[in-house]
């Protein structure tokens, strides 16, 4: 059995694994939906900007990982990776609520959730 303090020490990958082990397909659905949304939202912003100017505005730790000639998708990829911690927090918050909502729908079976009886 885990102590309360141990949960705080888990890394992002461990937290995602814990969510997947507890909520199964719902955790994956939540995670990949949030990640897909991040790609679309960030690419929508980045594609309308001058990539070189954008890279100059970013911290060196991020901008040094992108070749300016790679274009908007490369910048999007790096920025989505940089948002991983916040996206994992959103996953941890949304997944249990999403599982509760989906538990009494026809999607419960395919997602591996057991239906609650009233």
N, C-alpha and C. Protein backbone atom coordinates (compact mmCIF):
# COMPACT_ATOMS: atom_id res chain seq x y z
N UNK A 1 0.84 -1.18 0.00
CA UNK A 1 0.00 0.00 0.00
C UNK A 1 0.89 1.24 0.00
N UNK A 2 0.49 2.23 -0.82
CA UNK A 2 1.31 3.42 -0.95
C UNK A 2 0.99 4.45 0.11
N UNK A 3 2.02 5.10 0.56
CA UNK A 3 1.84 6.22 1.49
C UNK A 3 1.42 7.43 0.68
N UNK A 4 0.76 8.39 1.33
CA UNK A 4 0.29 9.57 0.65
C UNK A 4 1.44 10.37 0.04
N UNK A 5 2.55 10.48 0.70
CA UNK A 5 3.70 11.24 0.22
C UNK A 5 4.35 10.62 -1.00
N UNK A 6 4.22 9.29 -1.14
CA UNK A 6 4.84 8.62 -2.28
C UNK A 6 4.18 9.03 -3.58
N UNK A 7 2.85 9.29 -3.58
CA UNK A 7 2.15 9.67 -4.78
C UNK A 7 2.67 11.00 -5.32
N UNK A 8 3.07 11.90 -4.42
CA UNK A 8 3.60 13.20 -4.83
C UNK A 8 4.97 13.06 -5.48
N UNK A 9 5.68 11.98 -5.19
CA UNK A 9 7.01 11.79 -5.73
C UNK A 9 6.99 11.14 -7.12
N UNK A 10 5.85 10.68 -7.56
CA UNK A 10 5.76 10.02 -8.86
C UNK A 10 6.05 11.01 -9.98
N UNK A 11 6.73 10.53 -11.01
CA UNK A 11 6.95 11.34 -12.19
C UNK A 11 5.72 11.32 -13.07
N UNK A 12 5.74 12.13 -14.13
CA UNK A 12 4.60 12.21 -15.03
C UNK A 12 4.23 10.88 -15.66
N UNK A 13 5.24 10.13 -16.09
CA UNK A 13 4.98 8.83 -16.69
C UNK A 13 4.35 7.86 -15.71
N UNK A 14 4.80 7.90 -14.45
CA UNK A 14 4.23 7.03 -13.42
C UNK A 14 2.78 7.40 -13.12
N UNK A 15 2.49 8.69 -13.13
CA UNK A 15 1.11 9.13 -12.88
C UNK A 15 0.20 8.67 -14.01
N UNK A 16 0.67 8.77 -15.24
CA UNK A 16 -0.13 8.31 -16.37
C UNK A 16 -0.35 6.80 -16.29
N UNK A 17 0.70 6.05 -15.93
CA UNK A 17 0.56 4.60 -15.78
C UNK A 17 -0.45 4.25 -14.70
N UNK A 18 -0.43 5.01 -13.60
CA UNK A 18 -1.39 4.77 -12.52
C UNK A 18 -2.82 5.05 -12.98
N UNK A 19 -3.00 6.12 -13.76
CA UNK A 19 -4.33 6.42 -14.30
C UNK A 19 -4.80 5.33 -15.24
N UNK A 20 -3.90 4.85 -16.10
CA UNK A 20 -4.26 3.79 -17.05
C UNK A 20 -4.58 2.51 -16.31
N UNK A 21 -3.83 2.19 -15.27
CA UNK A 21 -4.11 0.96 -14.54
C UNK A 21 -5.45 1.04 -13.81
N UNK A 22 -5.83 2.22 -13.36
CA UNK A 22 -7.09 2.37 -12.64
C UNK A 22 -8.28 2.56 -13.58
N UNK A 23 -8.12 3.37 -14.63
CA UNK A 23 -9.25 3.73 -15.49
C UNK A 23 -9.18 3.14 -16.90
N UNK A 24 -8.10 2.44 -17.22
CA UNK A 24 -7.99 1.75 -18.49
C UNK A 24 -8.14 2.64 -19.70
N UNK A 25 -9.04 2.24 -20.58
CA UNK A 25 -9.23 2.92 -21.86
C UNK A 25 -9.69 4.36 -21.69
N UNK A 26 -10.39 4.65 -20.61
CA UNK A 26 -10.85 6.02 -20.37
C UNK A 26 -9.65 6.95 -20.17
N UNK A 27 -8.63 6.49 -19.47
CA UNK A 27 -7.43 7.30 -19.26
C UNK A 27 -6.72 7.56 -20.59
N UNK A 28 -6.65 6.53 -21.43
CA UNK A 28 -6.02 6.71 -22.74
C UNK A 28 -6.83 7.65 -23.62
N UNK A 29 -8.15 7.49 -23.59
CA UNK A 29 -9.03 8.37 -24.36
C UNK A 29 -8.84 9.82 -23.92
N UNK A 30 -8.82 10.04 -22.64
CA UNK A 30 -8.63 11.38 -22.08
C UNK A 30 -7.26 11.93 -22.48
N UNK A 31 -6.22 11.14 -22.26
CA UNK A 31 -4.86 11.59 -22.53
C UNK A 31 -4.66 11.96 -24.01
N UNK A 32 -5.07 11.07 -24.90
CA UNK A 32 -4.83 11.34 -26.32
C UNK A 32 -5.75 12.43 -26.87
N UNK A 33 -6.92 12.60 -26.27
CA UNK A 33 -7.79 13.71 -26.67
C UNK A 33 -7.17 15.05 -26.28
N UNK A 34 -6.65 15.11 -25.07
CA UNK A 34 -6.01 16.34 -24.60
C UNK A 34 -4.75 16.63 -25.42
N UNK A 35 -3.98 15.59 -25.72
CA UNK A 35 -2.77 15.78 -26.51
C UNK A 35 -3.12 16.22 -27.94
N UNK A 36 -4.14 15.61 -28.52
CA UNK A 36 -4.56 16.02 -29.87
C UNK A 36 -5.03 17.46 -29.89
N UNK A 37 -5.80 17.83 -28.88
CA UNK A 37 -6.25 19.22 -28.78
C UNK A 37 -5.06 20.17 -28.67
N UNK A 38 -4.06 19.78 -27.89
CA UNK A 38 -2.86 20.62 -27.74
C UNK A 38 -2.16 20.81 -29.08
N UNK A 39 -2.01 19.73 -29.85
CA UNK A 39 -1.38 19.85 -31.17
C UNK A 39 -2.15 20.80 -32.08
N UNK A 40 -3.47 20.63 -32.13
CA UNK A 40 -4.29 21.46 -33.00
C UNK A 40 -4.23 22.93 -32.57
N UNK A 41 -4.40 23.17 -31.28
CA UNK A 41 -4.41 24.55 -30.77
C UNK A 41 -3.06 25.23 -30.99
N UNK A 42 -1.98 24.55 -30.64
CA UNK A 42 -0.65 25.16 -30.77
C UNK A 42 -0.27 25.33 -32.24
N UNK A 43 -0.57 24.34 -33.07
CA UNK A 43 -0.25 24.48 -34.49
C UNK A 43 -1.04 25.62 -35.12
N UNK A 44 -2.29 25.79 -34.70
CA UNK A 44 -3.11 26.88 -35.23
C UNK A 44 -2.48 28.24 -34.94
N UNK A 45 -1.89 28.38 -33.78
CA UNK A 45 -1.24 29.63 -33.42
C UNK A 45 0.10 29.76 -34.13
N UNK A 46 0.90 28.71 -34.08
CA UNK A 46 2.27 28.76 -34.62
C UNK A 46 2.27 28.92 -36.14
N UNK A 47 1.34 28.28 -36.83
CA UNK A 47 1.36 28.32 -38.30
C UNK A 47 1.11 29.72 -38.85
N UNK A 48 0.48 30.57 -38.07
CA UNK A 48 0.24 31.94 -38.52
C UNK A 48 1.32 32.91 -38.11
N UNK A 49 2.41 32.40 -37.54
CA UNK A 49 3.48 33.27 -37.06
C UNK A 49 4.76 33.04 -37.84
N UNK A 50 5.66 34.00 -37.72
CA UNK A 50 7.00 33.86 -38.27
C UNK A 50 7.78 32.96 -37.30
N UNK A 51 8.19 31.77 -37.78
CA UNK A 51 8.84 30.78 -36.92
C UNK A 51 10.13 31.32 -36.32
N UNK A 52 10.93 32.03 -37.11
CA UNK A 52 12.19 32.57 -36.59
C UNK A 52 11.93 33.56 -35.45
N UNK A 53 10.95 34.44 -35.63
CA UNK A 53 10.63 35.42 -34.59
C UNK A 53 10.10 34.72 -33.34
N UNK A 54 9.30 33.68 -33.54
CA UNK A 54 8.75 32.93 -32.41
C UNK A 54 9.87 32.25 -31.63
N UNK A 55 10.82 31.65 -32.33
CA UNK A 55 11.93 30.97 -31.66
C UNK A 55 12.77 31.94 -30.83
N UNK A 56 12.89 33.17 -31.28
CA UNK A 56 13.64 34.17 -30.52
C UNK A 56 12.93 34.55 -29.23
N UNK A 57 11.60 34.40 -29.20
CA UNK A 57 10.82 34.75 -28.01
C UNK A 57 10.82 33.64 -26.96
N UNK A 58 11.13 32.42 -27.38
CA UNK A 58 11.08 31.28 -26.48
C UNK A 58 12.36 31.20 -25.65
N UNK A 59 12.27 30.58 -24.47
CA UNK A 59 13.49 30.37 -23.67
C UNK A 59 14.51 29.53 -24.43
N UNK A 60 15.77 29.75 -24.16
CA UNK A 60 16.86 29.04 -24.84
C UNK A 60 16.72 27.53 -24.71
N UNK A 61 16.26 27.04 -23.57
CA UNK A 61 16.12 25.59 -23.36
C UNK A 61 15.15 24.97 -24.36
N UNK A 62 14.18 25.74 -24.81
CA UNK A 62 13.21 25.22 -25.78
C UNK A 62 13.68 25.53 -27.20
N UNK A 63 14.05 26.77 -27.45
CA UNK A 63 14.41 27.17 -28.82
C UNK A 63 15.65 26.45 -29.35
N UNK A 64 16.54 26.04 -28.46
CA UNK A 64 17.75 25.35 -28.91
C UNK A 64 17.44 23.95 -29.45
N UNK A 65 16.26 23.44 -29.17
CA UNK A 65 15.89 22.10 -29.62
C UNK A 65 15.22 22.09 -30.99
N UNK A 66 15.04 23.27 -31.59
CA UNK A 66 14.31 23.37 -32.85
C UNK A 66 15.20 23.98 -33.92
N UNK A 67 15.26 23.32 -35.05
CA UNK A 67 15.94 23.87 -36.22
C UNK A 67 14.97 24.85 -36.88
N UNK A 68 15.34 26.12 -37.01
CA UNK A 68 14.42 27.10 -37.59
C UNK A 68 13.92 26.74 -38.98
N UNK A 69 14.70 25.96 -39.72
CA UNK A 69 14.26 25.58 -41.06
C UNK A 69 13.25 24.43 -41.03
N UNK A 70 13.02 23.84 -39.87
CA UNK A 70 12.10 22.71 -39.76
C UNK A 70 10.64 23.15 -39.88
N UNK A 71 10.34 24.38 -39.55
CA UNK A 71 9.01 24.89 -39.76
C UNK A 71 8.08 24.81 -38.56
N UNK A 72 6.83 25.13 -38.83
CA UNK A 72 5.81 25.26 -37.78
C UNK A 72 5.54 23.94 -37.07
N UNK A 73 5.56 22.83 -37.80
CA UNK A 73 5.24 21.57 -37.14
C UNK A 73 6.31 21.19 -36.11
N UNK A 74 7.56 21.45 -36.42
CA UNK A 74 8.64 21.14 -35.47
C UNK A 74 8.50 22.00 -34.22
N UNK A 75 8.18 23.28 -34.40
CA UNK A 75 7.98 24.16 -33.24
C UNK A 75 6.79 23.68 -32.44
N UNK A 76 5.73 23.28 -33.13
CA UNK A 76 4.53 22.76 -32.45
C UNK A 76 4.88 21.52 -31.63
N UNK A 77 5.64 20.61 -32.21
CA UNK A 77 6.02 19.38 -31.51
C UNK A 77 6.77 19.70 -30.21
N UNK A 78 7.73 20.60 -30.28
CA UNK A 78 8.52 20.95 -29.10
C UNK A 78 7.65 21.64 -28.05
N UNK A 79 6.76 22.53 -28.49
CA UNK A 79 5.89 23.22 -27.54
C UNK A 79 4.89 22.27 -26.89
N UNK A 80 4.39 21.31 -27.65
CA UNK A 80 3.48 20.32 -27.06
C UNK A 80 4.23 19.48 -26.03
N UNK A 81 5.45 19.10 -26.33
CA UNK A 81 6.26 18.36 -25.35
C UNK A 81 6.51 19.21 -24.10
N UNK A 82 6.70 20.50 -24.28
CA UNK A 82 6.94 21.38 -23.14
C UNK A 82 5.69 21.51 -22.26
N UNK A 83 4.51 21.26 -22.83
CA UNK A 83 3.27 21.36 -22.05
C UNK A 83 2.91 20.04 -21.37
N UNK A 84 3.76 19.03 -21.46
CA UNK A 84 3.44 17.72 -20.88
C UNK A 84 3.07 17.79 -19.39
N UNK A 85 3.81 18.49 -18.55
CA UNK A 85 3.42 18.50 -17.13
C UNK A 85 2.00 19.02 -16.89
N UNK A 86 1.65 20.11 -17.56
CA UNK A 86 0.31 20.66 -17.35
C UNK A 86 -0.75 19.74 -17.94
N UNK A 87 -0.44 19.10 -19.06
CA UNK A 87 -1.41 18.18 -19.65
C UNK A 87 -1.63 16.96 -18.76
N UNK A 88 -0.58 16.48 -18.08
CA UNK A 88 -0.74 15.35 -17.16
C UNK A 88 -1.57 15.74 -15.94
N UNK A 89 -1.44 16.98 -15.50
CA UNK A 89 -2.29 17.45 -14.41
C UNK A 89 -3.75 17.50 -14.85
N UNK A 90 -3.98 17.96 -16.07
CA UNK A 90 -5.34 17.99 -16.60
C UNK A 90 -5.88 16.57 -16.72
N UNK A 91 -5.05 15.64 -17.20
CA UNK A 91 -5.45 14.22 -17.27
C UNK A 91 -5.87 13.70 -15.91
N UNK A 92 -5.06 13.98 -14.90
CA UNK A 92 -5.34 13.47 -13.55
C UNK A 92 -6.64 14.05 -13.00
N UNK A 93 -6.97 15.27 -13.40
CA UNK A 93 -8.20 15.90 -12.93
C UNK A 93 -9.42 15.40 -13.70
N UNK A 94 -9.29 15.28 -15.03
CA UNK A 94 -10.44 14.96 -15.88
C UNK A 94 -10.78 13.48 -15.92
N UNK A 95 -9.80 12.60 -15.91
CA UNK A 95 -10.05 11.17 -16.12
C UNK A 95 -11.05 10.58 -15.14
N UNK A 96 -10.94 10.80 -13.82
CA UNK A 96 -11.94 10.22 -12.92
C UNK A 96 -13.35 10.75 -13.18
N UNK A 97 -13.45 12.03 -13.49
CA UNK A 97 -14.75 12.63 -13.77
C UNK A 97 -15.33 12.08 -15.07
N UNK A 98 -14.48 11.91 -16.08
CA UNK A 98 -14.93 11.35 -17.34
C UNK A 98 -15.39 9.91 -17.16
N UNK A 99 -14.67 9.13 -16.37
CA UNK A 99 -15.06 7.74 -16.10
C UNK A 99 -16.41 7.69 -15.41
N UNK A 100 -16.65 8.59 -14.45
CA UNK A 100 -17.94 8.64 -13.77
C UNK A 100 -19.07 8.94 -14.74
N UNK A 101 -18.85 9.90 -15.63
CA UNK A 101 -19.88 10.28 -16.60
C UNK A 101 -20.15 9.14 -17.57
N UNK A 102 -19.10 8.50 -18.05
CA UNK A 102 -19.25 7.45 -19.06
C UNK A 102 -19.73 6.12 -18.49
N UNK A 103 -19.68 5.97 -17.19
CA UNK A 103 -20.01 4.69 -16.55
C UNK A 103 -21.45 4.26 -16.80
N UNK A 104 -22.36 5.19 -16.94
CA UNK A 104 -23.77 4.86 -17.14
C UNK A 104 -24.24 5.13 -18.56
N UNK A 105 -23.32 5.00 -19.51
CA UNK A 105 -23.66 5.19 -20.92
C UNK A 105 -23.40 3.89 -21.67
N UNK A 106 -23.87 3.80 -22.90
CA UNK A 106 -23.58 2.61 -23.70
C UNK A 106 -22.08 2.40 -23.97
N UNK A 107 -21.27 3.43 -23.76
CA UNK A 107 -19.83 3.32 -23.96
C UNK A 107 -19.13 2.61 -22.81
N UNK A 108 -19.82 2.39 -21.70
CA UNK A 108 -19.20 1.78 -20.53
C UNK A 108 -18.61 0.42 -20.86
N UNK A 109 -19.33 -0.42 -21.57
CA UNK A 109 -18.83 -1.76 -21.91
C UNK A 109 -17.57 -1.72 -22.75
N UNK A 110 -17.61 -1.05 -23.90
CA UNK A 110 -16.39 -1.00 -24.74
C UNK A 110 -15.19 -0.35 -24.05
N UNK A 111 -15.45 0.55 -23.11
CA UNK A 111 -14.35 1.20 -22.40
C UNK A 111 -13.89 0.42 -21.17
N UNK A 112 -14.55 -0.70 -20.88
CA UNK A 112 -14.14 -1.53 -19.76
C UNK A 112 -14.62 -1.02 -18.42
N UNK A 113 -15.66 -0.20 -18.42
CA UNK A 113 -16.23 0.30 -17.16
C UNK A 113 -17.43 -0.56 -16.79
N UNK A 114 -17.58 -0.83 -15.53
CA UNK A 114 -18.77 -1.59 -15.11
C UNK A 114 -19.89 -0.61 -14.82
N UNK A 115 -21.08 -0.94 -15.28
CA UNK A 115 -22.22 -0.07 -15.05
C UNK A 115 -22.66 -0.17 -13.60
N UNK A 116 -22.98 0.99 -13.04
CA UNK A 116 -23.47 1.01 -11.66
C UNK A 116 -24.97 0.79 -11.67
N UNK A 117 -25.45 0.06 -10.69
CA UNK A 117 -26.90 -0.14 -10.59
C UNK A 117 -27.47 0.91 -9.67
N UNK A 118 -28.67 1.43 -10.01
CA UNK A 118 -29.25 2.49 -9.18
C UNK A 118 -29.66 2.04 -7.82
